[in-house]
Amino acid sequence: YFAKVMNSGCNSDPSNVIWINEPNLSIPEFRGQKVSIYPNPTEGKFTLNFSSGKTTNGLATFYSVTGQKLRTVELTQNAIYELDITNFSDGIYFLCFQFDSGEKRIFRINLVR
């Protein structure tokens, strides 16, 4: 998505464009396997499930909508991770996967209580 300010007929240039995979609308392919993030929206605890039974090493980093890095979780050879963001305020967060191969994917997480 992008933001554009409109005021009294004057328009700003669009902000940087951010592309987001929507895990609650579909189950995206990632590294040749399906990735499930559920429940999403979440009340704070959710599951990250890689369909193949294992992942490669990497990092999962949570960012606020303003781009502030909030927390990083190390990913190892596990297929299922139970993640807890109950200490975050309600809102939208981005979960960025970066694997040792350099591949990255970003998912939106909705925290609602």
C-alpha atoms as a PDB file:
ATOM      1  CA  TYR A   1       0.000   0.000   0.000  1.00  0.00           C
ATOM      2  CA  PHE A   2       1.046   3.628  -0.128  1.00  0.00           C
ATOM      3  CA  ALA A   3      -0.084   6.915   1.392  1.00  0.00           C
ATOM      4  CA  LYS A   4      -0.942  10.069  -0.509  1.00  0.00           C
ATOM      5  CA  VAL A   5      -1.965  13.325   1.196  1.00  0.00           C
ATOM      6  CA  MET A   6      -4.746  15.352  -0.411  1.00  0.00           C
ATOM      7  CA  ASN A   7      -5.558  18.807   0.989  1.00  0.00           C
ATOM      8  CA  SER A   8      -7.626  21.527  -0.729  1.00  0.00           C
ATOM      9  CA  GLY A   9      -6.897  20.171  -4.190  1.00  0.00           C
ATOM     10  CA  CYS A  10      -3.133  19.799  -3.596  1.00  0.00           C
ATOM     11  CA  ASN A  11      -1.703  16.289  -3.708  1.00  0.00           C
ATOM     12  CA  SER A  12       1.543  14.931  -2.309  1.00  0.00           C
ATOM     13  CA  ASP A  13       3.761  12.413  -4.043  1.00  0.00           C
ATOM     14  CA  PRO A  14       3.026   8.820  -2.989  1.00  0.00           C
ATOM     15  CA  SER A  15       5.089   7.467  -0.099  1.00  0.00           C
ATOM     16  CA  ASN A  16       7.241   4.371  -0.462  1.00  0.00           C
ATOM     17  CA  VAL A  17       5.221   1.388  -1.644  1.00  0.00           C
ATOM     18  CA  ILE A  18       5.099  -1.622   0.676  1.00  0.00           C
ATOM     19  CA  TRP A  19       3.935  -5.014  -0.660  1.00  0.00           C
ATOM     20  CA  ILE A  20       2.403  -7.298   1.943  1.00  0.00           C
ATOM     21  CA  ASN A  21       1.454 -10.974   1.782  1.00  0.00           C
ATOM     22  CA  GLU A  22      -1.917 -11.498   3.455  1.00  0.00           C
ATOM     23  CA  PRO A  23      -1.709 -14.743   5.439  1.00  0.00           C
ATOM     24  CA  ASN A  24      -5.324 -14.427   6.571  1.00  0.00           C
ATOM     25  CA  LEU A  25      -6.556 -14.319   2.942  1.00  0.00           C
ATOM     26  CA  SER A  26      -4.460 -17.197   1.604  1.00  0.00           C
ATOM     27  CA  ILE A  27      -1.610 -19.481   2.545  1.00  0.00           C
ATOM     28  CA  PRO A  28       1.414 -18.190   0.626  1.00  0.00           C
ATOM     29  CA  GLU A  29       4.215 -20.273  -0.787  1.00  0.00           C
ATOM     30  CA  PHE A  30       7.585 -19.586   0.815  1.00  0.00           C
ATOM     31  CA  ARG A  31      10.799 -21.479   0.112  1.00  0.00           C
ATOM     32  CA  GLY A  32       8.775 -24.129  -1.743  1.00  0.00           C
ATOM     33  CA  GLN A  33       6.374 -24.751   1.109  1.00  0.00           C
ATOM     34  CA  LYS A  34       3.168 -23.307   2.469  1.00  0.00           C
ATOM     35  CA  VAL A  35       3.338 -21.013   5.503  1.00  0.00           C
ATOM     36  CA  SER A  36       0.386 -20.740   7.873  1.00  0.00           C
ATOM     37  CA  ILE A  37       0.075 -18.007  10.490  1.00  0.00           C
ATOM     38  CA  TYR A  38      -2.927 -18.504  12.754  1.00  0.00           C
ATOM     39  CA  PRO A  39      -4.988 -17.152  14.299  1.00  0.00           C
ATOM     40  CA  ASN A  40      -4.675 -13.834  12.491  1.00  0.00           C
ATOM     41  CA  PRO A  41      -6.094 -11.543  13.796  1.00  0.00           C
ATOM     42  CA  THR A  42      -4.615 -12.682  17.094  1.00  0.00           C
ATOM     43  CA  GLU A  43      -5.059 -11.756  20.739  1.00  0.00           C
ATOM     44  CA  GLY A  44      -1.289 -12.073  21.175  1.00  0.00           C
ATOM     45  CA  LYS A  45      -0.377 -15.753  20.855  1.00  0.00           C
ATOM     46  CA  PHE A  46      -0.227 -17.363  17.429  1.00  0.00           C
ATOM     47  CA  THR A  47       1.298 -20.254  15.531  1.00  0.00           C
ATOM     48  CA  LEU A  48       3.713 -20.143  12.625  1.00  0.00           C
ATOM     49  CA  ASN A  49       3.623 -23.430  10.679  1.00  0.00           C
ATOM     50  CA  PHE A  50       5.872 -24.449   7.770  1.00  0.00           C
ATOM     51  CA  SER A  51       4.206 -27.272   5.789  1.00  0.00           C
ATOM     52  CA  SER A  52       7.338 -29.205   4.825  1.00  0.00           C
ATOM     53  CA  GLY A  53       8.184 -30.112   8.405  1.00  0.00           C
ATOM     54  CA  LYS A  54      11.318 -27.973   8.689  1.00  0.00           C
ATOM     55  CA  THR A  55      12.778 -24.582   7.855  1.00  0.00           C
ATOM     56  CA  THR A  56      16.264 -23.344   7.224  1.00  0.00           C
ATOM     57  CA  ASN A  57      18.039 -21.120   9.709  1.00  0.00           C
ATOM     58  CA  GLY A  58      17.075 -17.470   9.780  1.00  0.00           C
ATOM     59  CA  LEU A  59      15.340 -14.685  11.663  1.00  0.00           C
ATOM     60  CA  ALA A  60      11.751 -13.565  12.145  1.00  0.00           C
ATOM     61  CA  THR A  61      11.601  -9.877  13.080  1.00  0.00           C
ATOM     62  CA  PHE A  62       8.543  -7.911  14.207  1.00  0.00           C
ATOM     63  CA  TYR A  63       8.200  -4.293  13.050  1.00  0.00           C
ATOM     64  CA  SER A  64       5.663  -1.615  13.925  1.00  0.00           C
ATOM     65  CA  VAL A  65       3.786   0.198  11.138  1.00  0.00           C
ATOM     66  CA  THR A  66       6.334   3.016  11.531  1.00  0.00           C
ATOM     67  CA  GLY A  67       9.211   0.613  10.809  1.00  0.00           C
ATOM     68  CA  GLN A  68      10.510   0.331  14.379  1.00  0.00           C
ATOM     69  CA  LYS A  69      12.157  -3.048  15.060  1.00  0.00           C
ATOM     70  CA  LEU A  70      10.392  -4.563  18.081  1.00  0.00           C
ATOM     71  CA  ARG A  71      11.581  -8.135  18.495  1.00  0.00           C
ATOM     72  CA  THR A  72      13.617 -10.777  16.671  1.00  0.00           C
ATOM     73  CA  VAL A  73      13.143 -14.540  16.960  1.00  0.00           C
ATOM     74  CA  GLU A  74      15.755 -16.997  15.705  1.00  0.00           C
ATOM     75  CA  LEU A  75      14.375 -19.695  13.388  1.00  0.00           C
ATOM     76  CA  THR A  76      16.078 -23.084  13.423  1.00  0.00           C
ATOM     77  CA  GLN A  77      15.105 -26.431  11.915  1.00  0.00           C
ATOM     78  CA  ASN A  78      11.649 -26.437  13.566  1.00  0.00           C
ATOM     79  CA  ALA A  79       8.458 -26.572  11.494  1.00  0.00           C
ATOM     80  CA  ILE A  80       6.107 -25.065  14.089  1.00  0.00           C
ATOM     81  CA  TYR A  81       6.696 -22.009  16.262  1.00  0.00           C
ATOM     82  CA  GLU A  82       4.424 -20.676  19.003  1.00  0.00           C
ATOM     83  CA  LEU A  83       4.925 -16.909  19.104  1.00  0.00           C
ATOM     84  CA  ASP A  84       3.742 -14.490  21.786  1.00  0.00           C
ATOM     85  CA  ILE A  85       3.290 -10.737  21.274  1.00  0.00           C
ATOM     86  CA  THR A  86       0.880 -10.153  24.160  1.00  0.00           C
ATOM     87  CA  ASN A  87       3.198  -7.403  25.436  1.00  0.00           C
ATOM     88  CA  PHE A  88       2.622  -5.381  22.212  1.00  0.00           C
ATOM     89  CA  SER A  89      -0.185  -2.812  21.982  1.00  0.00           C
ATOM     90  CA  ASP A  90      -3.197  -3.597  19.791  1.00  0.00           C
ATOM     91  CA  GLY A  91      -2.555  -2.776  16.148  1.00  0.00           C
ATOM     92  CA  ILE A  92      -0.929  -3.940  12.941  1.00  0.00           C
ATOM     93  CA  TYR A  93       2.582  -5.391  12.884  1.00  0.00           C
ATOM     94  CA  PHE A  94       4.815  -6.759  10.165  1.00  0.00           C
ATOM     95  CA  LEU A  95       6.619 -10.061  10.571  1.00  0.00           C
ATOM     96  CA  CYS A  96       9.675 -10.201   8.307  1.00  0.00           C
ATOM     97  CA  PHE A  97      11.339 -13.543   7.603  1.00  0.00           C
ATOM     98  CA  GLN A  98      14.968 -13.432   6.529  1.00  0.00           C
ATOM     99  CA  PHE A  99      16.682 -16.740   5.938  1.00  0.00           C
ATOM    100  CA  ASP A 100      20.394 -17.455   5.662  1.00  0.00           C
ATOM    101  CA  SER A 101      19.908 -17.766   1.898  1.00  0.00           C
ATOM    102  CA  GLY A 102      19.016 -14.046   1.847  1.00  0.00           C
ATOM    103  CA  GLU A 103      15.366 -14.632   0.898  1.00  0.00           C
ATOM    104  CA  LYS A 104      12.859 -12.347   2.666  1.00  0.00           C
ATOM    105  CA  ARG A 105       9.081 -12.308   3.069  1.00  0.00           C
ATOM    106  CA  ILE A 106       6.848  -9.932   5.017  1.00  0.00           C
ATOM    107  CA  PHE A 107       3.485 -10.843   6.565  1.00  0.00           C
ATOM    108  CA  ARG A 108       0.960  -8.618   8.308  1.00  0.00           C
ATOM    109  CA  ILE A 109      -0.107  -9.576  11.836  1.00  0.00           C
ATOM    110  CA  ASN A 110      -3.259  -8.019  13.341  1.00  0.00           C
ATOM    111  CA  LEU A 111      -3.226  -7.815  17.156  1.00  0.00           C
ATOM    112  CA  VAL A 112      -6.735  -7.268  18.518  1.00  0.00           C
ATOM    113  CA  ARG A 113      -7.966  -7.902  22.073  1.00  0.00           C
END
